[in-house]
Amino acid sequence: MTLFQPAVLVLCLGCTLFEGSMYLFVFLWAPVLQSVQSTPTELPYGHIFSSFMTAALAASLAFNIFVTDRRLVRPSVLLISLLAGSARCFIASANPHSEQSAFWVFCLFEGAVGAYWPYMGYLEVRLIDDKTRTQVYAMLRISLNVSVVVSLLLVTRRTGTFKMVFSVCGTLLLASSGAIWLALSATNI
């Protein structure tokens, strides 16, 4: 497919929104956990981060089982589920009830990240021609970096700002899951 076909453009939109949300999550997870911290001691950041990476690894391995090996899930259904599930995680993270609930929601999001990377590699090979792949990647990187930088410029250390950023990320991810569903339903992927 060429660069300006609807499925590729919508895929670029979904990638930008998901990866942008992921980068914002990287910057904001620690301050959000600190804002709902129930104990006066320092958070165990090493354990928290290793839990995130374990969730990402488990989901990446599950992708291979469910999509590549056994073909239990259509790839388009998986992408839409990842985006919608990530949207739900961000909306829940906007108003965490406790340190534990925020931690588990963040682990779920990291699981979505773990399944996202092998899935995007699979989908990009199927949708984007080798000749236009570098153009598509360049377009993705420009829009991704602009969206993250603008978002970070708007973020301050106030708790209300984190709520706003996570709510906006969740809403945009939900909208992109609908757009991708419409675009990929015609491609039979």
C-alpha atoms as a PDB file:
ATOM      1  CA  MET A   1       0.000   0.000   0.000  1.00  0.00           C
ATOM      2  CA  THR A   2       1.106   3.527  -0.583  1.00  0.00           C
ATOM      3  CA  LEU A   3       1.637   6.224   1.984  1.00  0.00           C
ATOM      4  CA  PHE A   4      -1.676   8.033   1.524  1.00  0.00           C
ATOM      5  CA  GLN A   5      -4.097   5.130   1.507  1.00  0.00           C
ATOM      6  CA  PRO A   6      -6.726   5.385   4.259  1.00  0.00           C
ATOM      7  CA  ALA A   7      -5.650   2.209   6.085  1.00  0.00           C
ATOM      8  CA  VAL A   8      -2.032   3.416   6.302  1.00  0.00           C
ATOM      9  CA  LEU A   9      -3.037   6.917   7.426  1.00  0.00           C
ATOM     10  CA  VAL A  10      -5.335   5.553  10.110  1.00  0.00           C
ATOM     11  CA  LEU A  11      -2.605   3.131  11.179  1.00  0.00           C
ATOM     12  CA  CYS A  12      -0.261   6.130  11.502  1.00  0.00           C
ATOM     13  CA  LEU A  13      -2.882   7.874  13.634  1.00  0.00           C
ATOM     14  CA  GLY A  14      -3.218   4.860  15.912  1.00  0.00           C
ATOM     15  CA  CYS A  15       0.562   4.482  16.201  1.00  0.00           C
ATOM     16  CA  THR A  16       1.046   8.146  17.018  1.00  0.00           C
ATOM     17  CA  LEU A  17      -1.640   8.145  19.679  1.00  0.00           C
ATOM     18  CA  PHE A  18      -0.583   4.862  21.263  1.00  0.00           C
ATOM     19  CA  GLU A  19       3.145   5.547  21.252  1.00  0.00           C
ATOM     20  CA  GLY A  20       2.601   9.147  22.350  1.00  0.00           C
ATOM     21  CA  SER A  21       0.493   7.913  25.251  1.00  0.00           C
ATOM     22  CA  MET A  22       3.171   5.368  26.055  1.00  0.00           C
ATOM     23  CA  TYR A  23       5.888   8.044  26.192  1.00  0.00           C
ATOM     24  CA  LEU A  24       3.707  10.260  28.363  1.00  0.00           C
ATOM     25  CA  PHE A  25       3.142   7.284  30.647  1.00  0.00           C
ATOM     26  CA  VAL A  26       6.927   6.874  30.973  1.00  0.00           C
ATOM     27  CA  PHE A  27       7.213  10.447  32.213  1.00  0.00           C
ATOM     28  CA  LEU A  28       4.156  10.403  34.481  1.00  0.00           C
ATOM     29  CA  TRP A  29       3.835   6.985  36.150  1.00  0.00           C
ATOM     30  CA  ALA A  30       6.119   7.790  39.076  1.00  0.00           C
ATOM     31  CA  PRO A  31       4.502  11.146  39.954  1.00  0.00           C
ATOM     32  CA  VAL A  32       1.051   9.561  39.733  1.00  0.00           C
ATOM     33  CA  LEU A  33       2.051   6.759  42.102  1.00  0.00           C
ATOM     34  CA  GLN A  34       3.590   9.333  44.452  1.00  0.00           C
ATOM     35  CA  SER A  35       0.353  11.322  44.443  1.00  0.00           C
ATOM     36  CA  VAL A  36      -1.626   8.325  45.789  1.00  0.00           C
ATOM     37  CA  GLN A  37       1.135   6.865  47.949  1.00  0.00           C
ATOM     38  CA  SER A  38      -0.231   5.551  51.237  1.00  0.00           C
ATOM     39  CA  THR A  39       3.046   5.199  53.147  1.00  0.00           C
ATOM     40  CA  PRO A  40       5.676   7.818  53.972  1.00  0.00           C
ATOM     41  CA  THR A  41       8.517   5.585  52.749  1.00  0.00           C
ATOM     42  CA  GLU A  42       9.989   5.824  49.272  1.00  0.00           C
ATOM     43  CA  LEU A  43       8.295   3.750  46.598  1.00  0.00           C
ATOM     44  CA  PRO A  44      10.189   0.621  45.455  1.00  0.00           C
ATOM     45  CA  TYR A  45      10.814   1.958  41.933  1.00  0.00           C
ATOM     46  CA  GLY A  46      13.000  -0.984  40.915  1.00  0.00           C
ATOM     47  CA  HIS A  47      10.298  -3.516  41.807  1.00  0.00           C
ATOM     48  CA  ILE A  48       7.611  -1.431  40.156  1.00  0.00           C
ATOM     49  CA  PHE A  49       9.583  -1.047  36.937  1.00  0.00           C
ATOM     50  CA  SER A  50      10.507  -4.742  36.839  1.00  0.00           C
ATOM     51  CA  SER A  51       6.809  -5.586  37.258  1.00  0.00           C
ATOM     52  CA  PHE A  52       6.016  -3.368  34.279  1.00  0.00           C
ATOM     53  CA  MET A  53       8.659  -5.101  32.179  1.00  0.00           C
ATOM     54  CA  THR A  54       7.384  -8.540  33.242  1.00  0.00           C
ATOM     55  CA  ALA A  55       3.873  -7.588  32.145  1.00  0.00           C
ATOM     56  CA  ALA A  56       5.212  -6.366  28.792  1.00  0.00           C
ATOM     57  CA  LEU A  57       7.218  -9.565  28.260  1.00  0.00           C
ATOM     58  CA  ALA A  58       4.270 -11.807  29.133  1.00  0.00           C
ATOM     59  CA  ALA A  59       2.001  -9.988  26.688  1.00  0.00           C
ATOM     60  CA  SER A  60       4.636 -10.098  23.958  1.00  0.00           C
ATOM     61  CA  LEU A  61       4.918 -13.864  24.373  1.00  0.00           C
ATOM     62  CA  ALA A  62       1.125 -14.173  24.415  1.00  0.00           C
ATOM     63  CA  PHE A  63       1.006 -12.339  21.073  1.00  0.00           C
ATOM     64  CA  ASN A  64       3.125 -15.078  19.525  1.00  0.00           C
ATOM     65  CA  ILE A  65       0.820 -17.768  20.905  1.00  0.00           C
ATOM     66  CA  PHE A  66      -2.513 -16.155  20.042  1.00  0.00           C
ATOM     67  CA  VAL A  67      -1.746 -14.495  16.706  1.00  0.00           C
ATOM     68  CA  THR A  68       1.311 -16.000  15.051  1.00  0.00           C
ATOM     69  CA  ASP A  69       1.348 -19.641  16.159  1.00  0.00           C
ATOM     70  CA  ARG A  70      -2.269 -20.645  16.693  1.00  0.00           C
ATOM     71  CA  ARG A  71      -4.097 -17.787  14.931  1.00  0.00           C
ATOM     72  CA  LEU A  72      -6.725 -17.594  17.672  1.00  0.00           C
ATOM     73  CA  VAL A  73      -7.275 -13.850  17.239  1.00  0.00           C
ATOM     74  CA  ARG A  74      -7.426 -11.774  14.070  1.00  0.00           C
ATOM     75  CA  PRO A  75      -4.693  -9.117  14.139  1.00  0.00           C
ATOM     76  CA  SER A  76      -7.148  -6.262  13.532  1.00  0.00           C
ATOM     77  CA  VAL A  77      -9.266  -7.381  16.494  1.00  0.00           C
ATOM     78  CA  LEU A  78      -6.135  -7.477  18.634  1.00  0.00           C
ATOM     79  CA  LEU A  79      -5.095  -3.932  17.693  1.00  0.00           C
ATOM     80  CA  ILE A  80      -8.548  -2.531  18.371  1.00  0.00           C
ATOM     81  CA  SER A  81      -8.635  -4.381  21.699  1.00  0.00           C
ATOM     82  CA  LEU A  82      -5.180  -3.057  22.621  1.00  0.00           C
ATOM     83  CA  LEU A  83      -6.193   0.522  21.880  1.00  0.00           C
ATOM     84  CA  ALA A  84      -9.554   0.263  23.650  1.00  0.00           C
ATOM     85  CA  GLY A  85      -7.991  -1.506  26.650  1.00  0.00           C
ATOM     86  CA  SER A  86      -5.234   1.089  26.836  1.00  0.00           C
ATOM     87  CA  ALA A  87      -7.847   3.825  26.691  1.00  0.00           C
ATOM     88  CA  ARG A  88      -9.596   2.234  29.656  1.00  0.00           C
ATOM     89  CA  CYS A  89      -6.280   2.052  31.554  1.00  0.00           C
ATOM     90  CA  PHE A  90      -5.613   5.741  30.973  1.00  0.00           C
ATOM     91  CA  ILE A  91      -9.108   6.766  31.983  1.00  0.00           C
ATOM     92  CA  ALA A  92      -8.774   4.699  35.178  1.00  0.00           C
ATOM     93  CA  SER A  93      -5.316   6.220  35.801  1.00  0.00           C
ATOM     94  CA  ALA A  94      -6.736   9.721  35.623  1.00  0.00           C
ATOM     95  CA  ASN A  95      -8.387   9.192  38.990  1.00  0.00           C
ATOM     96  CA  PRO A  96      -6.627   6.357  40.841  1.00  0.00           C
ATOM     97  CA  HIS A  97      -8.239   5.247  44.093  1.00  0.00           C
ATOM     98  CA  SER A  98      -5.117   3.843  45.697  1.00  0.00           C
ATOM     99  CA  GLU A  99      -1.468   3.099  45.145  1.00  0.00           C
ATOM    100  CA  GLN A 100      -2.274  -0.566  44.474  1.00  0.00           C
ATOM    101  CA  SER A 101      -5.039   0.127  41.959  1.00  0.00           C
ATOM    102  CA  ALA A 102      -2.808   2.565  40.057  1.00  0.00           C
ATOM    103  CA  PHE A 103       0.003  -0.004  40.042  1.00  0.00           C
ATOM    104  CA  TRP A 104      -2.178  -2.775  38.599  1.00  0.00           C
ATOM    105  CA  VAL A 105      -3.720  -0.498  35.979  1.00  0.00           C
ATOM    106  CA  PHE A 106      -0.199   0.532  34.963  1.00  0.00           C
ATOM    107  CA  CYS A 107       0.797  -3.155  34.713  1.00  0.00           C
ATOM    108  CA  LEU A 108      -2.188  -3.769  32.423  1.00  0.00           C
ATOM    109  CA  PHE A 109      -1.109  -0.883  30.220  1.00  0.00           C
ATOM    110  CA  GLU A 110       2.447  -2.242  30.079  1.00  0.00           C
ATOM    111  CA  GLY A 111       0.940  -5.557  28.996  1.00  0.00           C
ATOM    112  CA  ALA A 112      -0.745  -3.736  26.126  1.00  0.00           C
ATOM    113  CA  VAL A 113       2.607  -2.165  25.251  1.00  0.00           C
ATOM    114  CA  GLY A 114       4.208  -5.608  25.210  1.00  0.00           C
ATOM    115  CA  ALA A 115       1.651  -6.931  22.741  1.00  0.00           C
ATOM    116  CA  TYR A 116       1.719  -3.728  20.680  1.00  0.00           C
ATOM    117  CA  TRP A 117       5.341  -3.926  19.467  1.00  0.00           C
ATOM    118  CA  PRO A 118       5.249  -7.371  17.801  1.00  0.00           C
ATOM    119  CA  TYR A 119       1.795  -6.616  16.464  1.00  0.00           C
ATOM    120  CA  MET A 120       2.891  -3.369  14.816  1.00  0.00           C
ATOM    121  CA  GLY A 121       5.846  -5.119  13.206  1.00  0.00           C
ATOM    122  CA  TYR A 122       3.463  -7.747  11.847  1.00  0.00           C
ATOM    123  CA  LEU A 123       0.956  -5.190  10.585  1.00  0.00           C
ATOM    124  CA  GLU A 124       3.501  -2.805   9.058  1.00  0.00           C
ATOM    125  CA  VAL A 125       4.982  -5.595   6.960  1.00  0.00           C
ATOM    126  CA  ARG A 126       1.514  -6.501   5.694  1.00  0.00           C
ATOM    127  CA  LEU A 127       0.236  -2.970   5.005  1.00  0.00           C
ATOM    128  CA  ILE A 128       3.227  -0.853   4.005  1.00  0.00           C
ATOM    129  CA  ASP A 129       5.325  -1.384   0.885  1.00  0.00           C
ATOM    130  CA  ASP A 130       9.073  -1.551   1.274  1.00  0.00           C
ATOM    131  CA  LYS A 131       9.413   1.495  -0.987  1.00  0.00           C
ATOM    132  CA  THR A 132       7.284   3.739   1.225  1.00  0.00           C
ATOM    133  CA  ARG A 133       8.160   2.303   4.647  1.00  0.00           C
ATOM    134  CA  THR A 134      10.808   4.944   5.448  1.00  0.00           C
ATOM    135  CA  GLN A 135       8.387   7.744   4.511  1.00  0.00           C
ATOM    136  CA  VAL A 136       5.720   6.273   6.754  1.00  0.00           C
ATOM    137  CA  TYR A 137       8.168   5.883   9.647  1.00  0.00           C
ATOM    138  CA  ALA A 138       9.353   9.478   9.195  1.00  0.00           C
ATOM    139  CA  MET A 139       5.757  10.709   9.215  1.00  0.00           C
ATOM    140  CA  LEU A 140       5.106   8.665  12.352  1.00  0.00           C
ATOM    141  CA  ARG A 141       8.159  10.011  14.169  1.00  0.00           C
ATOM    142  CA  ILE A 142       7.443  13.645  13.351  1.00  0.00           C
ATOM    143  CA  SER A 143       3.823  13.507  14.501  1.00  0.00           C
ATOM    144  CA  LEU A 144       4.747  11.401  17.529  1.00  0.00           C
ATOM    145  CA  ASN A 145       7.529  13.692  18.717  1.00  0.00           C
ATOM    146  CA  VAL A 146       5.454  16.842  18.207  1.00  0.00           C
ATOM    147  CA  SER A 147       2.524  15.416  20.167  1.00  0.00           C
ATOM    148  CA  VAL A 148       4.727  14.283  23.074  1.00  0.00           C
ATOM    149  CA  VAL A 149       6.677  17.537  23.305  1.00  0.00           C
ATOM    150  CA  VAL A 150       3.520  19.650  23.230  1.00  0.00           C
ATOM    151  CA  SER A 151       1.916  17.455  25.894  1.00  0.00           C
ATOM    152  CA  LEU A 152       4.976  17.623  28.136  1.00  0.00           C
ATOM    153  CA  LEU A 153       5.107  21.393  27.796  1.00  0.00           C
ATOM    154  CA  LEU A 154       1.561  21.515  29.161  1.00  0.00           C
ATOM    155  CA  VAL A 155       2.297  19.212  32.101  1.00  0.00           C
ATOM    156  CA  THR A 156       3.250  20.590  35.479  1.00  0.00           C
ATOM    157  CA  ARG A 157       3.687  18.877  38.846  1.00  0.00           C
ATOM    158  CA  ARG A 158       0.074  19.484  39.820  1.00  0.00           C
ATOM    159  CA  THR A 159      -2.088  16.371  40.234  1.00  0.00           C
ATOM    160  CA  GLY A 160      -4.936  17.858  38.202  1.00  0.00           C
ATOM    161  CA  THR A 161      -2.678  18.107  35.163  1.00  0.00           C
ATOM    162  CA  PHE A 162      -1.906  14.378  35.293  1.00  0.00           C
ATOM    163  CA  LYS A 163      -5.619  13.692  35.401  1.00  0.00           C
ATOM    164  CA  MET A 164      -6.167  15.869  32.360  1.00  0.00           C
ATOM    165  CA  VAL A 165      -3.315  14.288  30.367  1.00  0.00           C
ATOM    166  CA  PHE A 166      -4.437  10.728  31.161  1.00  0.00           C
ATOM    167  CA  SER A 167      -8.072  11.564  30.376  1.00  0.00           C
ATOM    168  CA  VAL A 168      -7.120  13.091  27.026  1.00  0.00           C
ATOM    169  CA  CYS A 169      -4.863  10.110  26.187  1.00  0.00           C
ATOM    170  CA  GLY A 170      -7.683   7.711  27.047  1.00  0.00           C
ATOM    171  CA  THR A 171     -10.215   9.594  24.940  1.00  0.00           C
ATOM    172  CA  LEU A 172      -7.874   9.828  21.947  1.00  0.00           C
ATOM    173  CA  LEU A 173      -6.982   6.122  22.165  1.00  0.00           C
ATOM    174  CA  LEU A 174     -10.661   5.221  22.241  1.00  0.00           C
ATOM    175  CA  ALA A 175     -11.308   7.395  19.184  1.00  0.00           C
ATOM    176  CA  SER A 176      -8.357   5.866  17.341  1.00  0.00           C
ATOM    177  CA  SER A 177      -9.608   2.343  18.074  1.00  0.00           C
ATOM    178  CA  GLY A 178     -12.877   3.266  16.345  1.00  0.00           C
ATOM    179  CA  ALA A 179     -11.075   4.825  13.383  1.00  0.00           C
ATOM    180  CA  ILE A 180      -8.804   1.808  12.996  1.00  0.00           C
ATOM    181  CA  TRP A 181     -11.774  -0.523  13.212  1.00  0.00           C
ATOM    182  CA  LEU A 182     -13.389   1.341  10.313  1.00  0.00           C
ATOM    183  CA  ALA A 183     -10.185   1.409   8.236  1.00  0.00           C
ATOM    184  CA  LEU A 184      -9.076  -2.183   8.826  1.00  0.00           C
ATOM    185  CA  SER A 185     -12.520  -3.725   8.385  1.00  0.00           C
ATOM    186  CA  ALA A 186     -12.091  -3.175   4.644  1.00  0.00           C
ATOM    187  CA  THR A 187      -8.584  -4.726   4.480  1.00  0.00           C
ATOM    188  CA  ASN A 188      -9.375  -8.224   5.842  1.00  0.00           C
ATOM    189  CA  ILE A 189      -6.415  -8.208   8.242  1.00  0.00           C
END
